[in-house]
Amino acid sequence: MDVVAGKWKCLILWELHNYGTRRFGELRRGLPGVSEKMLIQHLREMEEDGLVHREVYREVPPKVEYSLTEHGVSLNAALALLGPWGTERMRRIGAEKVSVDVAATVRR
């Protein structure tokens, strides 16, 4: 559970799984509400845990890309079963409540 602890880690895994290799700015735009500091922190932790690969290109301006490692892909597959559970939970508690919660998160 340590490797997915944190509000944004599962969403980072999902973003990299669905869109493939992403630059930092692309990840940030794909995760509305995440601060730059938090995204950097989570990406560093995920890199240390072997979930994310960080590729630095020596050019001007500097270019950094993030992608899932094999370990990250396998974790994402294990977490995939949470998707239907979350969908059912949203149906059970009502989509209106979820929409309000998401809107509050994006405003922060």
PDB file of N, CA and C in Angstrom:
ATOM      1  N   MET A   1       0.815  -1.197   0.000  1.00  0.00           N
ATOM      2  CA  MET A   1       0.000   0.000   0.000  1.00  0.00           C
ATOM      3  C   MET A   1       0.861   1.265   0.000  1.00  0.00           C
ATOM      4  N   ASP A   2       2.105   1.149   0.454  1.00  0.00           N
ATOM      5  CA  ASP A   2       2.977   2.323   0.466  1.00  0.00           C
ATOM      6  C   ASP A   2       3.173   2.922  -0.924  1.00  0.00           C
ATOM      7  N   VAL A   3       3.244   2.081  -1.940  1.00  0.00           N
ATOM      8  CA  VAL A   3       3.549   2.592  -3.276  1.00  0.00           C
ATOM      9  C   VAL A   3       2.381   3.346  -3.900  1.00  0.00           C
ATOM     10  N   VAL A   4       1.169   3.165  -3.400  1.00  0.00           N
ATOM     11  CA  VAL A   4       0.029   3.917  -3.929  1.00  0.00           C
ATOM     12  C   VAL A   4      -0.538   4.897  -2.913  1.00  0.00           C
ATOM     13  N   ALA A   5       0.123   5.020  -1.756  1.00  0.00           N
ATOM     14  CA  ALA A   5      -0.336   5.985  -0.766  1.00  0.00           C
ATOM     15  C   ALA A   5      -0.136   7.389  -1.311  1.00  0.00           C
ATOM     16  N   GLY A   6      -1.136   8.181  -1.189  1.00  0.00           N
ATOM     17  CA  GLY A   6      -1.090   9.548  -1.705  1.00  0.00           C
ATOM     18  C   GLY A   6      -2.243   9.750  -2.666  1.00  0.00           C
ATOM     19  N   LYS A   7      -2.799  10.919  -2.609  1.00  0.00           N
ATOM     20  CA  LYS A   7      -4.004  11.237  -3.368  1.00  0.00           C
ATOM     21  C   LYS A   7      -3.829  11.088  -4.879  1.00  0.00           C
ATOM     22  N   TRP A   8      -2.646  11.358  -5.394  1.00  0.00           N
ATOM     23  CA  TRP A   8      -2.458  11.470  -6.836  1.00  0.00           C
ATOM     24  C   TRP A   8      -1.795  10.273  -7.492  1.00  0.00           C
ATOM     25  N   LYS A   9      -1.230   9.356  -6.731  1.00  0.00           N
ATOM     26  CA  LYS A   9      -0.441   8.279  -7.330  1.00  0.00           C
ATOM     27  C   LYS A   9      -1.251   7.379  -8.254  1.00  0.00           C
ATOM     28  N   CYS A  10      -2.439   6.970  -7.846  1.00  0.00           N
ATOM     29  CA  CYS A  10      -3.263   6.127  -8.721  1.00  0.00           C
ATOM     30  C   CYS A  10      -3.651   6.885  -9.982  1.00  0.00           C
ATOM     31  N   LEU A  11      -3.902   8.173  -9.842  1.00  0.00           N
ATOM     32  CA  LEU A  11      -4.264   8.980 -11.014  1.00  0.00           C
ATOM     33  C   LEU A  11      -3.072   9.160 -11.954  1.00  0.00           C
ATOM     34  N   ILE A  12      -1.879   9.267 -11.403  1.00  0.00           N
ATOM     35  CA  ILE A  12      -0.665   9.338 -12.232  1.00  0.00           C
ATOM     36  C   ILE A  12      -0.498   8.024 -12.990  1.00  0.00           C
ATOM     37  N   LEU A  13      -0.677   6.901 -12.291  1.00  0.00           N
ATOM     38  CA  LEU A  13      -0.600   5.591 -12.949  1.00  0.00           C
ATOM     39  C   LEU A  13      -1.607   5.509 -14.087  1.00  0.00           C
ATOM     40  N   TRP A  14      -2.830   5.938 -13.839  1.00  0.00           N
ATOM     41  CA  TRP A  14      -3.879   5.894 -14.851  1.00  0.00           C
ATOM     42  C   TRP A  14      -3.524   6.779 -16.046  1.00  0.00           C
ATOM     43  N   GLU A  15      -3.056   7.973 -15.773  1.00  0.00           N
ATOM     44  CA  GLU A  15      -2.692   8.919 -16.836  1.00  0.00           C
ATOM     45  C   GLU A  15      -1.581   8.352 -17.720  1.00  0.00           C
ATOM     46  N   LEU A  16      -0.545   7.795 -17.108  1.00  0.00           N
ATOM     47  CA  LEU A  16       0.562   7.229 -17.881  1.00  0.00           C
ATOM     48  C   LEU A  16       0.136   5.960 -18.621  1.00  0.00           C
ATOM     49  N   HIS A  17      -0.752   5.193 -18.031  1.00  0.00           N
ATOM     50  CA  HIS A  17      -1.243   3.990 -18.692  1.00  0.00           C
ATOM     51  C   HIS A  17      -2.082   4.343 -19.923  1.00  0.00           C
ATOM     52  N   ASN A  18      -2.969   5.305 -19.774  1.00  0.00           N
ATOM     53  CA  ASN A  18      -3.882   5.648 -20.869  1.00  0.00           C
ATOM     54  C   ASN A  18      -3.233   6.473 -21.972  1.00  0.00           C
ATOM     55  N   TYR A  19      -2.261   7.308 -21.633  1.00  0.00           N
ATOM     56  CA  TYR A  19      -1.682   8.217 -22.622  1.00  0.00           C
ATOM     57  C   TYR A  19      -0.228   7.920 -22.945  1.00  0.00           C
ATOM     58  N   GLY A  20       0.367   6.962 -22.264  1.00  0.00           N
ATOM     59  CA  GLY A  20       1.756   6.614 -22.544  1.00  0.00           C
ATOM     60  C   GLY A  20       2.720   7.649 -21.982  1.00  0.00           C
ATOM     61  N   THR A  21       3.857   7.760 -22.601  1.00  0.00           N
ATOM     62  CA  THR A  21       4.901   8.679 -22.149  1.00  0.00           C
ATOM     63  C   THR A  21       4.377  10.105 -22.150  1.00  0.00           C
ATOM     64  N   ARG A  22       4.619  10.806 -21.026  1.00  0.00           N
ATOM     65  CA  ARG A  22       4.113  12.181 -20.881  1.00  0.00           C
ATOM     66  C   ARG A  22       5.213  13.076 -20.334  1.00  0.00           C
ATOM     67  N   ARG A  23       5.212  14.311 -20.796  1.00  0.00           N
ATOM     68  CA  ARG A  23       6.084  15.322 -20.207  1.00  0.00           C
ATOM     69  C   ARG A  23       5.411  15.845 -18.943  1.00  0.00           C
ATOM     70  N   PHE A  24       6.181  16.522 -18.096  1.00  0.00           N
ATOM     71  CA  PHE A  24       5.667  16.998 -16.821  1.00  0.00           C
ATOM     72  C   PHE A  24       4.432  17.876 -17.011  1.00  0.00           C
ATOM     73  N   GLY A  25       4.504  18.825 -17.922  1.00  0.00           N
ATOM     74  CA  GLY A  25       3.384  19.731 -18.149  1.00  0.00           C
ATOM     75  C   GLY A  25       2.128  19.010 -18.611  1.00  0.00           C
ATOM     76  N   GLU A  26       2.304  17.971 -19.426  1.00  0.00           N
ATOM     77  CA  GLU A  26       1.167  17.181 -19.889  1.00  0.00           C
ATOM     78  C   GLU A  26       0.520  16.439 -18.720  1.00  0.00           C
ATOM     79  N   LEU A  27       1.353  15.901 -17.840  1.00  0.00           N
ATOM     80  CA  LEU A  27       0.829  15.224 -16.653  1.00  0.00           C
ATOM     81  C   LEU A  27       0.058  16.207 -15.783  1.00  0.00           C
ATOM     82  N   ARG A  28       0.613  17.372 -15.578  1.00  0.00           N
ATOM     83  CA  ARG A  28      -0.033  18.368 -14.718  1.00  0.00           C
ATOM     84  C   ARG A  28      -1.377  18.798 -15.294  1.00  0.00           C
ATOM     85  N   ARG A  29      -1.431  19.007 -16.603  1.00  0.00           N
ATOM     86  CA  ARG A  29      -2.705  19.383 -17.229  1.00  0.00           C
ATOM     87  C   ARG A  29      -3.716  18.237 -17.172  1.00  0.00           C
ATOM     88  N   GLY A  30      -3.231  17.010 -17.199  1.00  0.00           N
ATOM     89  CA  GLY A  30      -4.112  15.849 -17.137  1.00  0.00           C
ATOM     90  C   GLY A  30      -4.633  15.546 -15.749  1.00  0.00           C
ATOM     91  N   LEU A  31      -4.089  16.213 -14.742  1.00  0.00           N
ATOM     92  CA  LEU A  31      -4.486  15.992 -13.349  1.00  0.00           C
ATOM     93  C   LEU A  31      -4.911  17.316 -12.715  1.00  0.00           C
ATOM     94  N   PRO A  32      -6.067  17.849 -13.091  1.00  0.00           N
ATOM     95  CA  PRO A  32      -6.500  19.135 -12.548  1.00  0.00           C
ATOM     96  C   PRO A  32      -6.549  19.112 -11.028  1.00  0.00           C
ATOM     97  N   GLY A  33      -5.995  20.125 -10.430  1.00  0.00           N
ATOM     98  CA  GLY A  33      -6.019  20.242  -8.975  1.00  0.00           C
ATOM     99  C   GLY A  33      -4.718  19.852  -8.299  1.00  0.00           C
ATOM    100  N   VAL A  34      -3.829  19.157  -9.005  1.00  0.00           N
ATOM    101  CA  VAL A  34      -2.558  18.774  -8.390  1.00  0.00           C
ATOM    102  C   VAL A  34      -1.613  19.971  -8.429  1.00  0.00           C
ATOM    103  N   SER A  35      -0.908  20.183  -7.330  1.00  0.00           N
ATOM    104  CA  SER A  35       0.087  21.257  -7.311  1.00  0.00           C
ATOM    105  C   SER A  35       1.383  20.745  -7.929  1.00  0.00           C
ATOM    106  N   GLU A  36       2.193  21.660  -8.396  1.00  0.00           N
ATOM    107  CA  GLU A  36       3.485  21.282  -8.979  1.00  0.00           C
ATOM    108  C   GLU A  36       4.332  20.546  -7.953  1.00  0.00           C
ATOM    109  N   LYS A  37       4.342  21.060  -6.729  1.00  0.00           N
ATOM    110  CA  LYS A  37       5.138  20.445  -5.660  1.00  0.00           C
ATOM    111  C   LYS A  37       4.693  19.005  -5.389  1.00  0.00           C
ATOM    112  N   MET A  38       3.387  18.780  -5.314  1.00  0.00           N
ATOM    113  CA  MET A  38       2.871  17.443  -5.018  1.00  0.00           C
ATOM    114  C   MET A  38       3.145  16.485  -6.167  1.00  0.00           C
ATOM    115  N   LEU A  39       2.999  16.961  -7.410  1.00  0.00           N
ATOM    116  CA  LEU A  39       3.259  16.105  -8.556  1.00  0.00           C
ATOM    117  C   LEU A  39       4.729  15.700  -8.597  1.00  0.00           C
ATOM    118  N   ILE A  40       5.617  16.642  -8.364  1.00  0.00           N
ATOM    119  CA  ILE A  40       7.058  16.340  -8.323  1.00  0.00           C
ATOM    120  C   ILE A  40       7.350  15.314  -7.231  1.00  0.00           C
ATOM    121  N   GLN A  41       6.790  15.525  -6.044  1.00  0.00           N
ATOM    122  CA  GLN A  41       7.024  14.619  -4.914  1.00  0.00           C
ATOM    123  C   GLN A  41       6.548  13.208  -5.241  1.00  0.00           C
ATOM    124  N   HIS A  42       5.328  13.090  -5.764  1.00  0.00           N
ATOM    125  CA  HIS A  42       4.793  11.763  -6.086  1.00  0.00           C
ATOM    126  C   HIS A  42       5.600  11.092  -7.192  1.00  0.00           C
ATOM    127  N   LEU A  43       5.974  11.846  -8.222  1.00  0.00           N
ATOM    128  CA  LEU A  43       6.768  11.257  -9.300  1.00  0.00           C
ATOM    129  C   LEU A  43       8.114  10.758  -8.788  1.00  0.00           C
ATOM    130  N   ARG A  44       8.753  11.503  -7.898  1.00  0.00           N
ATOM    131  CA  ARG A  44      10.041  11.066  -7.326  1.00  0.00           C
ATOM    132  C   ARG A  44       9.872   9.784  -6.520  1.00  0.00           C
ATOM    133  N   GLU A  45       8.808   9.735  -5.698  1.00  0.00           N
ATOM    134  CA  GLU A  45       8.554   8.538  -4.898  1.00  0.00           C
ATOM    135  C   GLU A  45       8.262   7.341  -5.795  1.00  0.00           C
ATOM    136  N   MET A  46       7.490   7.567  -6.847  1.00  0.00           N
ATOM    137  CA  MET A  46       7.141   6.480  -7.758  1.00  0.00           C
ATOM    138  C   MET A  46       8.364   6.006  -8.548  1.00  0.00           C
ATOM    139  N   GLU A  47       9.262   6.928  -8.835  1.00  0.00           N
ATOM    140  CA  GLU A  47      10.511   6.545  -9.505  1.00  0.00           C
ATOM    141  C   GLU A  47      11.366   5.693  -8.566  1.00  0.00           C
ATOM    142  N   GLU A  48      11.466   6.104  -7.298  1.00  0.00           N
ATOM    143  CA  GLU A  48      12.224   5.335  -6.303  1.00  0.00           C
ATOM    144  C   GLU A  48      11.633   3.941  -6.107  1.00  0.00           C
ATOM    145  N   ASP A  49      10.303   3.828  -6.209  1.00  0.00           N
ATOM    146  CA  ASP A  49       9.624   2.535  -6.033  1.00  0.00           C
ATOM    147  C   ASP A  49       9.648   1.678  -7.295  1.00  0.00           C
ATOM    148  N   GLY A  50      10.226   2.222  -8.368  1.00  0.00           N
ATOM    149  CA  GLY A  50      10.349   1.460  -9.599  1.00  0.00           C
ATOM    150  C   GLY A  50       9.089   1.407 -10.444  1.00  0.00           C
ATOM    151  N   LEU A  51       8.152   2.330 -10.207  1.00  0.00           N
ATOM    152  CA  LEU A  51       6.897   2.345 -10.953  1.00  0.00           C
ATOM    153  C   LEU A  51       6.971   3.226 -12.193  1.00  0.00           C
ATOM    154  N   VAL A  52       7.781   4.267 -12.097  1.00  0.00           N
ATOM    155  CA  VAL A  52       7.861   5.275 -13.158  1.00  0.00           C
ATOM    156  C   VAL A  52       9.311   5.416 -13.608  1.00  0.00           C
ATOM    157  N   HIS A  53       9.491   5.553 -14.912  1.00  0.00           N
ATOM    158  CA  HIS A  53      10.812   5.819 -15.482  1.00  0.00           C
ATOM    159  C   HIS A  53      10.867   7.295 -15.876  1.00  0.00           C
ATOM    160  N   ARG A  54      11.934   7.953 -15.484  1.00  0.00           N
ATOM    161  CA  ARG A  54      12.139   9.367 -15.805  1.00  0.00           C
ATOM    162  C   ARG A  54      13.289   9.464 -16.791  1.00  0.00           C
ATOM    163  N   GLU A  55      13.003   9.996 -17.958  1.00  0.00           N
ATOM    164  CA  GLU A  55      14.011  10.146 -19.011  1.00  0.00           C
ATOM    165  C   GLU A  55      14.305  11.622 -19.199  1.00  0.00           C
ATOM    166  N   VAL A  56      15.583  11.998 -19.002  1.00  0.00           N
ATOM    167  CA  VAL A  56      16.010  13.389 -19.161  1.00  0.00           C
ATOM    168  C   VAL A  56      16.775  13.519 -20.470  1.00  0.00           C
ATOM    169  N   TYR A  57      16.334  14.447 -21.300  1.00  0.00           N
ATOM    170  CA  TYR A  57      17.002  14.709 -22.573  1.00  0.00           C
ATOM    171  C   TYR A  57      17.839  15.970 -22.419  1.00  0.00           C
ATOM    172  N   ARG A  58      19.114  15.866 -22.759  1.00  0.00           N
ATOM    173  CA  ARG A  58      20.041  16.993 -22.634  1.00  0.00           C
ATOM    174  C   ARG A  58      19.898  17.901 -23.844  1.00  0.00           C
ATOM    175  N   GLU A  59      18.946  18.798 -23.765  1.00  0.00           N
ATOM    176  CA  GLU A  59      18.725  19.767 -24.830  1.00  0.00           C
ATOM    177  C   GLU A  59      18.233  21.064 -24.211  1.00  0.00           C
ATOM    178  N   VAL A  60      18.160  22.094 -25.021  1.00  0.00           N
ATOM    179  CA  VAL A  60      17.698  23.391 -24.536  1.00  0.00           C
ATOM    180  C   VAL A  60      16.418  23.729 -25.276  1.00  0.00           C
ATOM    181  N   PRO A  61      15.317  23.972 -24.571  1.00  0.00           N
ATOM    182  CA  PRO A  61      15.137  23.819 -23.126  1.00  0.00           C
ATOM    183  C   PRO A  61      15.140  22.337 -22.731  1.00  0.00           C
ATOM    184  N   PRO A  62      15.459  22.060 -21.461  1.00  0.00           N
ATOM    185  CA  PRO A  62      15.522  20.672 -21.004  1.00  0.00           C
ATOM    186  C   PRO A  62      14.176  19.968 -21.206  1.00  0.00           C
ATOM    187  N   LYS A  63      14.237  18.717 -21.541  1.00  0.00           N
ATOM    188  CA  LYS A  63      13.033  17.919 -21.765  1.00  0.00           C
ATOM    189  C   LYS A  63      13.093  16.700 -20.855  1.00  0.00           C
ATOM    190  N   VAL A  64      12.014  16.468 -20.107  1.00  0.00           N
ATOM    191  CA  VAL A  64      11.917  15.318 -19.214  1.00  0.00           C
ATOM    192  C   VAL A  64      10.610  14.608 -19.520  1.00  0.00           C
ATOM    193  N   GLU A  65      10.689  13.288 -19.684  1.00  0.00           N
ATOM    194  CA  GLU A  65       9.499  12.491 -19.957  1.00  0.00           C
ATOM    195  C   GLU A  65       9.356  11.397 -18.912  1.00  0.00           C
ATOM    196  N   TYR A  66       8.110  11.073 -18.613  1.00  0.00           N
ATOM    197  CA  TYR A  66       7.799  10.028 -17.644  1.00  0.00           C
ATOM    198  C   TYR A  66       7.001   8.931 -18.334  1.00  0.00           C
ATOM    199  N   SER A  67       7.297   7.693 -17.956  1.00  0.00           N
ATOM    200  CA  SER A  67       6.561   6.548 -18.489  1.00  0.00           C
ATOM    201  C   SER A  67       6.489   5.482 -17.403  1.00  0.00           C
ATOM    202  N   LEU A  68       5.585   4.533 -17.593  1.00  0.00           N
ATOM    203  CA  LEU A  68       5.467   3.431 -16.641  1.00  0.00           C
ATOM    204  C   LEU A  68       6.541   2.385 -16.907  1.00  0.00           C
ATOM    205  N   THR A  69       7.069   1.839 -15.845  1.00  0.00           N
ATOM    206  CA  THR A  69       7.972   0.690 -15.956  1.00  0.00           C
ATOM    207  C   THR A  69       7.102  -0.565 -16.033  1.00  0.00           C
ATOM    208  N   GLU A  70       7.726  -1.711 -16.238  1.00  0.00           N
ATOM    209  CA  GLU A  70       6.989  -2.981 -16.214  1.00  0.00           C
ATOM    210  C   GLU A  70       6.285  -3.172 -14.872  1.00  0.00           C
ATOM    211  N   HIS A  71       6.983  -2.797 -13.817  1.00  0.00           N
ATOM    212  CA  HIS A  71       6.423  -2.901 -12.464  1.00  0.00           C
ATOM    213  C   HIS A  71       5.198  -1.990 -12.322  1.00  0.00           C
ATOM    214  N   GLY A  72       5.266  -0.780 -12.886  1.00  0.00           N
ATOM    215  CA  GLY A  72       4.139   0.144 -12.854  1.00  0.00           C
ATOM    216  C   GLY A  72       2.957  -0.376 -13.649  1.00  0.00           C
ATOM    217  N   VAL A  73       3.230  -0.992 -14.794  1.00  0.00           N
ATOM    218  CA  VAL A  73       2.159  -1.572 -15.618  1.00  0.00           C
ATOM    219  C   VAL A  73       1.464  -2.696 -14.850  1.00  0.00           C
ATOM    220  N   SER A  74       2.247  -3.537 -14.175  1.00  0.00           N
ATOM    221  CA  SER A  74       1.652  -4.654 -13.430  1.00  0.00           C
ATOM    222  C   SER A  74       0.831  -4.151 -12.239  1.00  0.00           C
ATOM    223  N   LEU A  75       1.289  -3.095 -11.573  1.00  0.00           N
ATOM    224  CA  LEU A  75       0.509  -2.519 -10.477  1.00  0.00           C
ATOM    225  C   LEU A  75      -0.790  -1.941 -11.013  1.00  0.00           C
ATOM    226  N   ASN A  76      -0.713  -1.250 -12.138  1.00  0.00           N
ATOM    227  CA  ASN A  76      -1.917  -0.672 -12.731  1.00  0.00           C
ATOM    228  C   ASN A  76      -2.926  -1.762 -13.066  1.00  0.00           C
ATOM    229  N   ALA A  77      -2.450  -2.906 -13.566  1.00  0.00           N
ATOM    230  CA  ALA A  77      -3.350  -4.027 -13.873  1.00  0.00           C
ATOM    231  C   ALA A  77      -4.020  -4.543 -12.596  1.00  0.00           C
ATOM    232  N   ALA A  78      -3.266  -4.598 -11.512  1.00  0.00           N
ATOM    233  CA  ALA A  78      -3.823  -5.058 -10.240  1.00  0.00           C
ATOM    234  C   ALA A  78      -4.872  -4.081  -9.710  1.00  0.00           C
ATOM    235  N   LEU A  79      -4.674  -2.802  -9.961  1.00  0.00           N
ATOM    236  CA  LEU A  79      -5.610  -1.779  -9.486  1.00  0.00           C
ATOM    237  C   LEU A  79      -6.833  -1.634 -10.392  1.00  0.00           C
ATOM    238  N   ALA A  80      -6.788  -2.210 -11.577  1.00  0.00           N
ATOM    239  CA  ALA A  80      -7.871  -2.052 -12.555  1.00  0.00           C
ATOM    240  C   ALA A  80      -9.229  -2.485 -11.997  1.00  0.00           C
ATOM    241  N   LEU A  81      -9.244  -3.449 -11.111  1.00  0.00           N
ATOM    242  CA  LEU A  81     -10.509  -3.928 -10.536  1.00  0.00           C
ATOM    243  C   LEU A  81     -11.181  -2.867  -9.667  1.00  0.00           C
ATOM    244  N   LEU A  82     -10.433  -1.864  -9.246  1.00  0.00           N
ATOM    245  CA  LEU A  82     -11.038  -0.792  -8.452  1.00  0.00           C
ATOM    246  C   LEU A  82     -11.945   0.100  -9.301  1.00  0.00           C
ATOM    247  N   GLY A  83     -11.732   0.125 -10.623  1.00  0.00           N
ATOM    248  CA  GLY A  83     -12.552   0.960 -11.509  1.00  0.00           C
ATOM    249  C   GLY A  83     -14.033   0.625 -11.420  1.00  0.00           C
ATOM    250  N   PRO A  84     -14.404  -0.639 -11.668  1.00  0.00           N
ATOM    251  CA  PRO A  84     -15.825  -0.994 -11.543  1.00  0.00           C
ATOM    252  C   PRO A  84     -16.372  -0.778 -10.128  1.00  0.00           C
ATOM    253  N   TRP A  85     -15.548  -1.016  -9.127  1.00  0.00           N
ATOM    254  CA  TRP A  85     -15.973  -0.782  -7.750  1.00  0.00           C
ATOM    255  C   TRP A  85     -16.290   0.699  -7.550  1.00  0.00           C
ATOM    256  N   GLY A  86     -15.398   1.575  -8.060  1.00  0.00           N
ATOM    257  CA  GLY A  86     -15.623   3.014  -7.924  1.00  0.00           C
ATOM    258  C   GLY A  86     -16.857   3.478  -8.676  1.00  0.00           C
ATOM    259  N   THR A  87     -17.085   2.916  -9.859  1.00  0.00           N
ATOM    260  CA  THR A  87     -18.276   3.257 -10.633  1.00  0.00           C
ATOM    261  C   THR A  87     -19.543   2.866  -9.877  1.00  0.00           C
ATOM    262  N   GLU A  88     -19.528   1.677  -9.299  1.00  0.00           N
ATOM    263  CA  GLU A  88     -20.679   1.229  -8.508  1.00  0.00           C
ATOM    264  C   GLU A  88     -20.868   2.107  -7.279  1.00  0.00           C
ATOM    265  N   ARG A  89     -19.784   2.513  -6.652  1.00  0.00           N
ATOM    266  CA  ARG A  89     -19.881   3.388  -5.481  1.00  0.00           C
ATOM    267  C   ARG A  89     -20.499   4.726  -5.866  1.00  0.00           C
ATOM    268  N   MET A  90     -20.080   5.273  -7.006  1.00  0.00           N
ATOM    269  CA  MET A  90     -20.652   6.549  -7.461  1.00  0.00           C
ATOM    270  C   MET A  90     -22.156   6.399  -7.700  1.00  0.00           C
ATOM    271  N   ARG A  91     -22.554   5.276  -8.291  1.00  0.00           N
ATOM    272  CA  ARG A  91     -23.972   5.038  -8.521  1.00  0.00           C
ATOM    273  C   ARG A  91     -24.720   4.947  -7.194  1.00  0.00           C
ATOM    274  N   ARG A  92     -24.104   4.260  -6.229  1.00  0.00           N
ATOM    275  CA  ARG A  92     -24.745   4.036  -4.931  1.00  0.00           C
ATOM    276  C   ARG A  92     -24.908   5.327  -4.144  1.00  0.00           C
ATOM    277  N   ILE A  93     -23.859   6.159  -4.107  1.00  0.00           N
ATOM    278  CA  ILE A  93     -23.945   7.390  -3.303  1.00  0.00           C
ATOM    279  C   ILE A  93     -24.530   8.544  -4.084  1.00  0.00           C
ATOM    280  N   GLY A  94     -24.630   8.391  -5.390  1.00  0.00           N
ATOM    281  CA  GLY A  94     -25.211   9.442  -6.220  1.00  0.00           C
ATOM    282  C   GLY A  94     -24.146  10.260  -6.903  1.00  0.00           C
ATOM    283  N   ALA A  95     -24.260  10.384  -8.204  1.00  0.00           N
ATOM    284  CA  ALA A  95     -23.266  11.125  -9.000  1.00  0.00           C
ATOM    285  C   ALA A  95     -23.203  12.577  -8.595  1.00  0.00           C
ATOM    286  N   GLU A  96     -24.300  13.139  -8.084  1.00  0.00           N
ATOM    287  CA  GLU A  96     -24.311  14.546  -7.690  1.00  0.00           C
ATOM    288  C   GLU A  96     -23.278  14.808  -6.599  1.00  0.00           C
ATOM    289  N   LYS A  97     -23.188  13.927  -5.606  1.00  0.00           N
ATOM    290  CA  LYS A  97     -22.220  14.090  -4.525  1.00  0.00           C
ATOM    291  C   LYS A  97     -20.794  14.015  -5.067  1.00  0.00           C
ATOM    292  N   VAL A  98     -20.540  13.069  -5.966  1.00  0.00           N
ATOM    293  CA  VAL A  98     -19.210  12.920  -6.545  1.00  0.00           C
ATOM    294  C   VAL A  98     -18.838  14.160  -7.337  1.00  0.00           C
ATOM    295  N   SER A  99     -19.762  14.703  -8.131  1.00  0.00           N
ATOM    296  CA  SER A  99     -19.491  15.897  -8.931  1.00  0.00           C
ATOM    297  C   SER A  99     -19.111  17.065  -8.038  1.00  0.00           C
ATOM    298  N   VAL A 100     -19.805  17.232  -6.929  1.00  0.00           N
ATOM    299  CA  VAL A 100     -19.495  18.311  -5.993  1.00  0.00           C
ATOM    300  C   VAL A 100     -18.103  18.104  -5.402  1.00  0.00           C
ATOM    301  N   ASP A 101     -17.785  16.865  -5.013  1.00  0.00           N
ATOM    302  CA  ASP A 101     -16.466  16.577  -4.440  1.00  0.00           C
ATOM    303  C   ASP A 101     -15.348  16.839  -5.441  1.00  0.00           C
ATOM    304  N   VAL A 102     -15.537  16.443  -6.698  1.00  0.00           N
ATOM    305  CA  VAL A 102     -14.535  16.656  -7.722  1.00  0.00           C
ATOM    306  C   VAL A 102     -14.359  18.151  -7.980  1.00  0.00           C
ATOM    307  N   ALA A 103     -15.456  18.884  -8.060  1.00  0.00           N
ATOM    308  CA  ALA A 103     -15.373  20.330  -8.286  1.00  0.00           C
ATOM    309  C   ALA A 103     -14.622  21.011  -7.157  1.00  0.00           C
ATOM    310  N   ALA A 104     -14.850  20.587  -5.923  1.00  0.00           N
ATOM    311  CA  ALA A 104     -14.149  21.173  -4.767  1.00  0.00           C
ATOM    312  C   ALA A 104     -12.665  20.884  -4.859  1.00  0.00           C
ATOM    313  N   THR A 105     -12.295  19.683  -5.300  1.00  0.00           N
ATOM    314  CA  THR A 105     -10.888  19.308  -5.427  1.00  0.00           C
ATOM    315  C   THR A 105     -10.203  20.158  -6.498  1.00  0.00           C
ATOM    316  N   VAL A 106     -10.877  20.371  -7.624  1.00  0.00           N
ATOM    317  CA  VAL A 106     -10.288  21.134  -8.728  1.00  0.00           C
ATOM    318  C   VAL A 106     -10.065  22.581  -8.321  1.00  0.00           C
ATOM    319  N   ARG A 107     -10.952  23.147  -7.496  1.00  0.00           N
ATOM    320  CA  ARG A 107     -10.804  24.547  -7.074  1.00  0.00           C
ATOM    321  C   ARG A 107      -9.629  24.763  -6.147  1.00  0.00           C
ATOM    322  N   ARG A 108      -9.171  23.738  -5.444  1.00  0.00           N
ATOM    323  CA  ARG A 108      -8.092  23.910  -4.446  1.00  0.00           C
ATOM    324  C   ARG A 108      -6.796  24.262  -5.068  1.00  0.00           C
TER     325      ARG A 108
END
